[in-house]
Each structure stands twice: as C-alpha cells, then as structure tokens.
N, C-alpha and C. Protein backbone atom coordinates (compact mmCIF):
# COMPACT_ATOMS: atom_id res chain seq x y z
N UNK A 1 134.37 70.66 78.03
CA UNK A 1 135.78 70.46 78.25
C UNK A 1 136.08 70.83 79.70
N UNK A 2 136.82 70.01 80.37
CA UNK A 2 137.23 70.29 81.74
C UNK A 2 138.63 70.87 81.74
N UNK A 3 138.82 71.92 82.49
CA UNK A 3 140.10 72.62 82.53
C UNK A 3 140.68 72.47 83.93
N UNK A 4 141.95 72.07 84.02
CA UNK A 4 142.61 71.98 85.32
C UNK A 4 143.35 73.29 85.56
N UNK A 5 142.87 74.10 86.52
CA UNK A 5 143.49 75.40 86.75
C UNK A 5 144.68 75.36 87.72
N UNK A 6 145.11 74.16 88.10
CA UNK A 6 146.20 74.05 89.07
C UNK A 6 147.52 73.76 88.36
N UNK A 7 148.56 74.44 88.80
CA UNK A 7 149.91 74.16 88.36
C UNK A 7 150.78 74.12 89.60
N UNK A 8 151.44 73.00 89.82
CA UNK A 8 152.28 72.82 91.01
C UNK A 8 151.50 73.09 92.29
N UNK A 9 150.25 72.68 92.32
CA UNK A 9 149.43 72.84 93.51
C UNK A 9 148.89 74.24 93.72
N UNK A 10 149.17 75.18 92.82
CA UNK A 10 148.71 76.56 92.95
C UNK A 10 147.69 76.86 91.85
N UNK A 11 146.75 77.71 92.18
CA UNK A 11 145.76 78.15 91.20
C UNK A 11 146.47 79.03 90.18
N UNK A 12 146.43 78.66 88.90
CA UNK A 12 147.09 79.41 87.84
C UNK A 12 146.02 79.86 86.84
N UNK A 13 145.77 81.13 86.79
CA UNK A 13 144.75 81.69 85.91
C UNK A 13 145.47 82.45 84.80
N UNK A 14 145.18 82.10 83.55
CA UNK A 14 145.80 82.77 82.41
C UNK A 14 145.03 83.99 81.95
N UNK A 15 143.70 83.95 82.11
CA UNK A 15 142.87 85.10 81.76
C UNK A 15 141.59 85.05 82.57
N UNK A 16 141.03 86.22 82.78
CA UNK A 16 139.73 86.32 83.43
C UNK A 16 138.74 86.76 82.37
N UNK A 17 137.72 85.95 82.16
CA UNK A 17 136.67 86.27 81.20
C UNK A 17 135.50 86.83 81.99
N UNK A 18 135.25 88.12 81.81
CA UNK A 18 134.13 88.78 82.46
C UNK A 18 132.98 88.86 81.47
N UNK A 19 131.96 88.05 81.71
CA UNK A 19 130.78 88.03 80.84
C UNK A 19 129.75 89.01 81.41
N UNK A 20 129.43 90.02 80.64
CA UNK A 20 128.52 91.06 81.09
C UNK A 20 127.31 91.16 80.18
N UNK A 21 126.18 91.49 80.78
CA UNK A 21 124.99 91.78 79.97
C UNK A 21 124.88 93.28 79.71
N UNK A 22 125.92 94.01 80.09
CA UNK A 22 126.04 95.46 79.86
C UNK A 22 125.06 96.26 80.70
N UNK A 23 124.56 95.67 81.78
CA UNK A 23 123.65 96.37 82.68
C UNK A 23 124.42 96.92 83.87
N UNK A 24 123.77 97.81 84.61
CA UNK A 24 124.40 98.39 85.80
C UNK A 24 124.67 97.31 86.85
N UNK A 25 123.84 96.28 86.90
CA UNK A 25 124.02 95.20 87.88
C UNK A 25 125.38 94.51 87.67
N UNK A 26 125.85 94.45 86.44
CA UNK A 26 127.11 93.77 86.13
C UNK A 26 128.35 94.58 86.51
N UNK A 27 128.20 95.85 86.80
CA UNK A 27 129.36 96.70 87.07
C UNK A 27 130.20 96.20 88.25
N UNK A 28 129.54 95.78 89.32
CA UNK A 28 130.28 95.28 90.50
C UNK A 28 131.03 94.01 90.13
N UNK A 29 130.40 93.13 89.35
CA UNK A 29 131.08 91.90 88.91
C UNK A 29 132.33 92.26 88.11
N UNK A 30 132.25 93.32 87.32
CA UNK A 30 133.41 93.77 86.55
C UNK A 30 134.56 94.21 87.44
N UNK A 31 134.23 94.88 88.54
CA UNK A 31 135.28 95.29 89.48
C UNK A 31 135.98 94.08 90.10
N UNK A 32 135.20 93.04 90.43
CA UNK A 32 135.80 91.82 90.96
C UNK A 32 136.64 91.13 89.89
N UNK A 33 136.15 91.12 88.66
CA UNK A 33 136.91 90.50 87.56
C UNK A 33 138.25 91.22 87.40
N UNK A 34 138.24 92.55 87.45
CA UNK A 34 139.47 93.33 87.31
C UNK A 34 140.43 93.04 88.46
N UNK A 35 139.88 92.96 89.66
CA UNK A 35 140.72 92.68 90.83
C UNK A 35 141.36 91.29 90.71
N UNK A 36 140.59 90.32 90.25
CA UNK A 36 141.13 88.97 90.09
C UNK A 36 142.18 88.93 88.98
N UNK A 37 141.93 89.65 87.89
CA UNK A 37 142.91 89.71 86.81
C UNK A 37 144.22 90.31 87.31
N UNK A 38 144.12 91.35 88.11
CA UNK A 38 145.34 91.96 88.67
C UNK A 38 146.06 90.97 89.59
N UNK A 39 145.29 90.30 90.45
CA UNK A 39 145.89 89.36 91.40
C UNK A 39 146.67 88.26 90.69
N UNK A 40 146.07 87.72 89.62
CA UNK A 40 146.71 86.62 88.89
C UNK A 40 147.60 87.12 87.76
N UNK A 41 147.73 88.43 87.63
CA UNK A 41 148.51 89.03 86.54
C UNK A 41 148.06 88.44 85.20
N UNK A 42 146.75 88.42 85.03
CA UNK A 42 146.12 87.81 83.86
C UNK A 42 145.43 88.87 83.01
N UNK A 43 145.26 88.56 81.75
CA UNK A 43 144.49 89.42 80.86
C UNK A 43 143.02 89.37 81.27
N UNK A 44 142.34 90.49 81.15
CA UNK A 44 140.91 90.56 81.41
C UNK A 44 140.21 90.69 80.06
N UNK A 45 139.29 89.77 79.78
CA UNK A 45 138.51 89.82 78.54
C UNK A 45 137.08 90.13 78.92
N UNK A 46 136.60 91.29 78.47
CA UNK A 46 135.22 91.71 78.72
C UNK A 46 134.40 91.24 77.52
N UNK A 47 133.40 90.41 77.78
CA UNK A 47 132.63 89.84 76.68
C UNK A 47 131.14 89.95 76.91
N UNK A 48 130.43 89.96 75.82
CA UNK A 48 128.96 89.95 75.82
C UNK A 48 128.55 89.08 74.65
N UNK A 49 127.50 88.31 74.84
CA UNK A 49 126.95 87.50 73.76
C UNK A 49 125.51 87.93 73.53
N UNK A 50 125.12 88.02 72.27
CA UNK A 50 123.77 88.45 71.95
C UNK A 50 123.27 87.72 70.71
N UNK A 51 121.95 87.66 70.63
CA UNK A 51 121.29 87.08 69.45
C UNK A 51 120.72 88.25 68.66
N UNK A 52 121.26 88.51 67.46
CA UNK A 52 120.76 89.65 66.69
C UNK A 52 119.32 89.42 66.24
N UNK A 53 118.58 90.52 66.19
CA UNK A 53 117.20 90.43 65.69
C UNK A 53 117.23 90.17 64.19
N UNK A 54 116.10 89.75 63.66
CA UNK A 54 116.02 89.50 62.22
C UNK A 54 116.31 90.77 61.43
N UNK A 55 115.77 91.91 61.89
CA UNK A 55 116.00 93.16 61.17
C UNK A 55 117.48 93.56 61.22
N UNK A 56 118.15 93.31 62.34
CA UNK A 56 119.58 93.61 62.43
C UNK A 56 120.38 92.73 61.48
N UNK A 57 120.01 91.46 61.40
CA UNK A 57 120.70 90.56 60.46
C UNK A 57 120.49 91.00 59.02
N UNK A 58 119.28 91.45 58.70
CA UNK A 58 118.99 91.92 57.34
C UNK A 58 119.85 93.14 57.00
N UNK A 59 119.97 94.07 57.94
CA UNK A 59 120.81 95.25 57.71
C UNK A 59 122.25 94.82 57.44
N UNK A 60 122.75 93.90 58.25
CA UNK A 60 124.14 93.49 58.12
C UNK A 60 124.40 92.73 56.82
N UNK A 61 123.45 91.92 56.41
CA UNK A 61 123.63 91.13 55.19
C UNK A 61 123.37 91.98 53.94
N UNK A 62 122.25 92.66 53.91
CA UNK A 62 121.86 93.40 52.70
C UNK A 62 122.68 94.68 52.51
N UNK A 63 122.92 95.40 53.59
CA UNK A 63 123.65 96.67 53.46
C UNK A 63 125.13 96.52 53.77
N UNK A 64 125.53 95.32 54.15
CA UNK A 64 126.92 95.00 54.45
C UNK A 64 127.57 96.02 55.40
N UNK A 65 126.85 96.28 56.48
CA UNK A 65 127.37 97.15 57.52
C UNK A 65 126.81 96.68 58.86
N UNK A 66 127.49 97.02 59.95
CA UNK A 66 127.00 96.58 61.26
C UNK A 66 125.67 97.25 61.60
N UNK A 67 124.83 96.49 62.28
CA UNK A 67 123.54 97.02 62.72
C UNK A 67 123.74 98.00 63.87
N UNK A 68 122.73 98.81 64.12
CA UNK A 68 122.76 99.76 65.23
C UNK A 68 122.93 98.99 66.55
N UNK A 69 122.26 97.85 66.67
CA UNK A 69 122.37 97.04 67.88
C UNK A 69 123.81 96.59 68.12
N UNK A 70 124.46 96.11 67.08
CA UNK A 70 125.85 95.65 67.21
C UNK A 70 126.77 96.83 67.57
N UNK A 71 126.58 97.95 66.90
CA UNK A 71 127.41 99.14 67.18
C UNK A 71 127.24 99.57 68.63
N UNK A 72 126.00 99.55 69.12
CA UNK A 72 125.73 99.97 70.50
C UNK A 72 126.36 99.00 71.51
N UNK A 73 126.28 97.71 71.23
CA UNK A 73 126.89 96.73 72.13
C UNK A 73 128.41 96.87 72.14
N UNK A 74 129.00 97.10 70.98
CA UNK A 74 130.45 97.31 70.91
C UNK A 74 130.86 98.57 71.67
N UNK A 75 130.06 99.62 71.56
CA UNK A 75 130.34 100.87 72.28
C UNK A 75 130.29 100.65 73.79
N UNK A 76 129.25 99.95 74.24
CA UNK A 76 129.12 99.69 75.68
C UNK A 76 130.23 98.76 76.19
N UNK A 77 130.60 97.78 75.38
CA UNK A 77 131.71 96.90 75.76
C UNK A 77 132.99 97.70 75.93
N UNK A 78 133.25 98.61 74.99
CA UNK A 78 134.47 99.42 75.07
C UNK A 78 134.42 100.37 76.26
N UNK A 79 133.24 100.91 76.57
CA UNK A 79 133.10 101.77 77.77
C UNK A 79 133.43 100.98 79.03
N UNK A 80 132.89 99.77 79.11
CA UNK A 80 133.16 98.91 80.26
C UNK A 80 134.65 98.61 80.35
N UNK A 81 135.26 98.25 79.22
CA UNK A 81 136.69 97.94 79.20
C UNK A 81 137.51 99.16 79.63
N UNK A 82 137.13 100.34 79.16
CA UNK A 82 137.87 101.56 79.51
C UNK A 82 137.83 101.81 81.01
N UNK A 83 136.66 101.60 81.62
CA UNK A 83 136.56 101.82 83.07
C UNK A 83 137.40 100.80 83.84
N UNK A 84 137.50 99.57 83.31
CA UNK A 84 138.30 98.55 83.99
C UNK A 84 139.79 98.73 83.73
N UNK A 85 140.15 99.32 82.59
CA UNK A 85 141.55 99.65 82.34
C UNK A 85 142.04 100.65 83.38
N UNK A 86 141.15 101.52 83.80
CA UNK A 86 141.54 102.52 84.81
C UNK A 86 141.87 101.85 86.15
N UNK A 87 141.49 100.59 86.30
CA UNK A 87 141.85 99.82 87.50
C UNK A 87 143.25 99.21 87.36
N UNK A 88 143.88 99.43 86.20
CA UNK A 88 145.24 98.94 85.99
C UNK A 88 145.34 97.60 85.31
N UNK A 89 144.28 97.19 84.61
CA UNK A 89 144.26 95.88 83.96
C UNK A 89 144.59 95.96 82.48
N UNK A 90 145.13 94.87 81.96
CA UNK A 90 145.27 94.67 80.53
C UNK A 90 143.93 94.10 80.06
N UNK A 91 143.16 94.89 79.32
CA UNK A 91 141.79 94.53 78.99
C UNK A 91 141.58 94.52 77.48
N UNK A 92 140.85 93.51 77.01
CA UNK A 92 140.36 93.51 75.63
C UNK A 92 138.90 93.12 75.65
N UNK A 93 138.22 93.38 74.54
CA UNK A 93 136.79 93.07 74.45
C UNK A 93 136.55 92.01 73.40
N UNK A 94 135.42 91.32 73.56
CA UNK A 94 135.02 90.31 72.58
C UNK A 94 133.50 90.25 72.55
N UNK A 95 132.92 90.64 71.42
CA UNK A 95 131.48 90.53 71.24
C UNK A 95 131.20 89.20 70.55
N UNK A 96 130.34 88.40 71.17
CA UNK A 96 130.01 87.08 70.65
C UNK A 96 128.59 87.10 70.12
N UNK A 97 128.36 86.36 69.07
CA UNK A 97 127.02 86.27 68.50
C UNK A 97 126.46 84.88 68.75
N UNK A 98 125.25 84.83 69.30
CA UNK A 98 124.59 83.56 69.58
C UNK A 98 124.04 83.55 71.00
N UNK A 99 123.48 82.42 71.38
CA UNK A 99 122.88 82.26 72.70
C UNK A 99 123.97 82.40 73.77
N UNK A 100 123.82 83.37 74.67
CA UNK A 100 124.85 83.57 75.70
C UNK A 100 125.14 82.31 76.52
N UNK A 101 124.12 81.50 76.75
CA UNK A 101 124.29 80.28 77.54
C UNK A 101 125.21 79.26 76.87
N UNK A 102 125.31 79.34 75.56
CA UNK A 102 126.21 78.46 74.81
C UNK A 102 127.54 79.14 74.50
N UNK A 103 127.47 80.37 74.02
CA UNK A 103 128.66 81.05 73.52
C UNK A 103 129.65 81.44 74.62
N UNK A 104 129.15 81.90 75.77
CA UNK A 104 130.05 82.34 76.84
C UNK A 104 130.86 81.17 77.40
N UNK A 105 130.23 80.05 77.77
CA UNK A 105 131.05 78.93 78.27
C UNK A 105 132.04 78.41 77.22
N UNK A 106 131.61 78.33 75.96
CA UNK A 106 132.51 77.84 74.91
C UNK A 106 133.69 78.80 74.73
N UNK A 107 133.41 80.10 74.74
CA UNK A 107 134.48 81.08 74.60
C UNK A 107 135.45 80.99 75.78
N UNK A 108 134.92 80.93 77.00
CA UNK A 108 135.78 80.85 78.19
C UNK A 108 136.66 79.61 78.12
N UNK A 109 136.06 78.47 77.81
CA UNK A 109 136.82 77.22 77.78
C UNK A 109 137.88 77.19 76.69
N UNK A 110 137.72 78.02 75.66
CA UNK A 110 138.70 78.06 74.56
C UNK A 110 139.94 78.90 74.93
N UNK A 111 139.89 79.60 76.06
CA UNK A 111 141.02 80.43 76.48
C UNK A 111 142.01 79.59 77.29
N UNK A 112 143.20 80.13 77.46
CA UNK A 112 144.24 79.46 78.24
C UNK A 112 144.01 79.72 79.73
N UNK A 113 143.75 78.66 80.50
CA UNK A 113 143.57 78.71 81.95
C UNK A 113 142.61 79.83 82.37
N UNK A 114 141.36 79.75 81.92
CA UNK A 114 140.41 80.84 82.19
C UNK A 114 139.75 80.77 83.56
N UNK A 115 139.31 81.93 84.02
CA UNK A 115 138.42 82.05 85.15
C UNK A 115 137.25 82.88 84.63
N UNK A 116 136.04 82.36 84.70
CA UNK A 116 134.85 83.05 84.22
C UNK A 116 134.21 83.79 85.39
N UNK A 117 133.93 85.07 85.20
CA UNK A 117 133.24 85.89 86.20
C UNK A 117 131.94 86.36 85.60
N UNK A 118 130.83 86.07 86.31
CA UNK A 118 129.49 86.41 85.85
C UNK A 118 128.75 87.21 86.90
N UNK A 119 128.07 88.24 86.50
CA UNK A 119 127.16 88.93 87.40
C UNK A 119 125.81 88.25 87.33
N UNK A 120 125.09 88.26 88.44
CA UNK A 120 123.74 87.69 88.45
C UNK A 120 122.75 88.76 88.87
N UNK A 121 121.53 88.61 88.40
CA UNK A 121 120.49 89.58 88.73
C UNK A 121 119.71 89.19 89.98
N UNK A 122 119.86 87.95 90.42
CA UNK A 122 119.18 87.52 91.64
C UNK A 122 117.67 87.45 91.47
N UNK A 123 117.23 86.95 90.33
CA UNK A 123 115.79 86.84 90.06
C UNK A 123 115.10 85.91 91.03
N UNK A 124 113.79 85.91 90.99
CA UNK A 124 113.01 85.09 91.91
C UNK A 124 113.25 83.61 91.65
N UNK A 125 113.07 82.81 92.67
CA UNK A 125 113.27 81.37 92.51
C UNK A 125 112.24 80.78 91.56
N UNK A 126 111.03 81.36 91.50
CA UNK A 126 110.01 80.87 90.57
C UNK A 126 110.47 81.09 89.14
N UNK A 127 111.00 82.27 88.86
CA UNK A 127 111.49 82.56 87.52
C UNK A 127 112.62 81.64 87.12
N UNK A 128 113.53 81.36 88.05
CA UNK A 128 114.65 80.46 87.74
C UNK A 128 114.15 79.05 87.50
N UNK A 129 113.14 78.61 88.25
CA UNK A 129 112.62 77.27 88.04
C UNK A 129 111.94 77.13 86.69
N UNK A 130 111.30 78.19 86.24
CA UNK A 130 110.58 78.11 84.98
C UNK A 130 111.53 78.23 83.79
N UNK A 131 112.36 79.25 83.77
CA UNK A 131 113.22 79.47 82.60
C UNK A 131 114.70 79.35 82.91
N UNK A 132 115.08 79.43 84.17
CA UNK A 132 116.49 79.39 84.53
C UNK A 132 117.14 80.71 84.21
N UNK A 133 118.29 80.97 84.81
CA UNK A 133 118.99 82.21 84.53
C UNK A 133 120.12 81.93 83.56
N UNK A 134 120.52 82.96 82.83
CA UNK A 134 121.64 82.83 81.90
C UNK A 134 122.89 82.44 82.67
N UNK A 135 123.13 83.08 83.81
CA UNK A 135 124.33 82.76 84.60
C UNK A 135 124.31 81.30 85.04
N UNK A 136 123.16 80.83 85.48
CA UNK A 136 123.07 79.43 85.92
C UNK A 136 123.33 78.47 84.77
N UNK A 137 122.77 78.77 83.59
CA UNK A 137 123.01 77.90 82.44
C UNK A 137 124.48 77.94 82.03
N UNK A 138 125.12 79.10 82.12
CA UNK A 138 126.56 79.19 81.83
C UNK A 138 127.36 78.34 82.80
N UNK A 139 127.03 78.42 84.08
CA UNK A 139 127.75 77.65 85.09
C UNK A 139 127.63 76.15 84.85
N UNK A 140 126.47 75.72 84.39
CA UNK A 140 126.26 74.29 84.13
C UNK A 140 127.06 73.80 82.93
N UNK A 141 127.41 74.71 82.02
CA UNK A 141 128.06 74.31 80.77
C UNK A 141 129.56 74.57 80.73
N UNK A 142 130.07 75.46 81.56
CA UNK A 142 131.49 75.81 81.50
C UNK A 142 132.33 74.74 82.18
N UNK A 143 133.50 74.46 81.59
CA UNK A 143 134.39 73.46 82.17
C UNK A 143 135.52 74.07 82.97
N UNK A 144 135.57 75.37 83.03
CA UNK A 144 136.63 76.07 83.76
C UNK A 144 136.07 76.66 85.05
N UNK A 145 136.93 77.09 85.96
CA UNK A 145 136.45 77.71 87.20
C UNK A 145 135.61 78.94 86.89
N UNK A 146 134.62 79.19 87.73
CA UNK A 146 133.74 80.35 87.54
C UNK A 146 133.35 80.93 88.89
N UNK A 147 133.13 82.23 88.88
CA UNK A 147 132.67 82.95 90.07
C UNK A 147 131.47 83.78 89.67
N UNK A 148 130.43 83.75 90.49
CA UNK A 148 129.28 84.62 90.25
C UNK A 148 129.27 85.72 91.32
N UNK A 149 128.80 86.88 90.91
CA UNK A 149 128.70 88.03 91.80
C UNK A 149 127.25 88.49 91.76
N UNK A 150 126.57 88.36 92.90
CA UNK A 150 125.15 88.71 92.98
C UNK A 150 124.91 90.20 93.11
N UNK A 151 123.66 90.61 92.97
CA UNK A 151 123.32 92.04 92.97
C UNK A 151 123.47 92.71 94.34
N UNK A 152 123.56 91.94 95.41
CA UNK A 152 123.70 92.54 96.74
C UNK A 152 125.14 92.47 97.27
N UNK A 153 126.06 92.04 96.41
CA UNK A 153 127.46 91.98 96.81
C UNK A 153 128.03 93.40 96.75
N UNK A 154 128.67 93.85 97.82
CA UNK A 154 129.23 95.21 97.80
C UNK A 154 130.45 95.29 96.88
N UNK A 155 130.75 96.48 96.43
CA UNK A 155 131.95 96.70 95.62
C UNK A 155 133.16 96.28 96.43
N UNK A 156 134.18 95.73 95.76
CA UNK A 156 135.36 95.30 96.51
C UNK A 156 136.05 96.50 97.15
N UNK A 157 136.48 96.30 98.35
CA UNK A 157 137.22 97.33 99.07
C UNK A 157 138.51 96.73 99.58
N UNK A 158 139.58 97.44 99.48
CA UNK A 158 140.86 96.91 99.95
C UNK A 158 141.51 96.04 98.91
N UNK A 159 142.65 95.48 99.29
CA UNK A 159 143.45 94.71 98.35
C UNK A 159 142.86 93.34 98.04
N UNK A 160 142.31 92.66 99.04
CA UNK A 160 141.79 91.31 98.82
C UNK A 160 140.55 91.09 99.67
N UNK A 161 139.37 91.24 99.09
CA UNK A 161 138.15 91.10 99.88
C UNK A 161 137.75 89.64 100.15
N UNK A 162 138.48 88.68 99.57
CA UNK A 162 138.10 87.28 99.74
C UNK A 162 138.73 86.69 100.98
N UNK A 163 137.91 86.11 101.82
CA UNK A 163 138.43 85.35 102.96
C UNK A 163 138.45 83.88 102.59
N UNK A 164 137.39 83.42 101.90
CA UNK A 164 137.28 82.02 101.51
C UNK A 164 136.64 81.95 100.14
N UNK A 165 137.19 81.08 99.30
CA UNK A 165 136.56 80.76 98.01
C UNK A 165 136.36 79.26 97.98
N UNK A 166 135.13 78.83 97.80
CA UNK A 166 134.83 77.42 97.69
C UNK A 166 135.09 76.99 96.25
N UNK A 167 135.98 76.03 96.08
CA UNK A 167 136.33 75.58 94.74
C UNK A 167 135.90 74.16 94.57
C-alpha cells in the first residue's frame, strides 16, 4: 500500500512507528524516533516483531500462558517506551508475532500517516548480499515514508539535527 504523507504541500505524520530489535544499537534510532514524534506532535509506537520458538508456542498453547520469551520482549519494549516517554512523547508499545520483514511494514502501513524509523546494524556488504538485512527488507516492503539510523549515527543533539532529508 502506498501512503501519501503530504497534506496541503506539507509533510503530515500521524504516528511514528519505531521498529526495534531491542538491542543497544537501536537505542539511538529510538531517540530520533522520539524527536520526530515530538516535532510532528505524533504518537510514538515502539514495536518489535518476533517468531516464537516451537517450545514457546507449546507453552502458550498447552499451558495457556505467555512464554518466557514473550514476557521478556514485552518487558524490554516497555523499558524502551518508558525511556522515550521521558523525552516527552506519547508512547505506546506493540509486540508483533511473525517475520519482522513482513509484520513491521504491514503494521506501519496500517497506521494513520505513519513514519517508520528503523535502526540498522551496518552489517558487511557480503552478509547483506547473501541474506539481506531485516531493515532493508522492511524498506523494500513498506509503503509509507521510512528513515533508517545506522550504528555510527551520533545521538541527536539540539532541537533539530536534520539539515536535509532526502524523500
């Protein structure tokens, strides 16, 4: 689905979807997501997508309770959200189940005027050629605007660290 983020010639963002793998590398991307949410006065949705292991699925089905893996991901998502709330954002979390390369773009595109923010690990070009990166696969599938934040990008400083955004 293609999303037109322009209203009256201006970029109009309804929500910022910050897709995190819950690693330390994603923390800087989260700060940019929070800054963008504040700038556009938009809701910030912190999300993670995962594929549960067979044993986790068995626990959830047979014992009818969340697996340890799911509980840990929810805890980390809430920790991330809490740290971004301290930046002054309206934040909610969303844990998605399934292949991140499919679920994240579909979730982002289902939101009202979304902007997707992804952290990247900056893996080797050989690795990307062989298997591709999750962020790259998300970018290829999402129909809404997206921004990636690489591992060597410094934390945002000041009110607006962007001089140019290529759209």
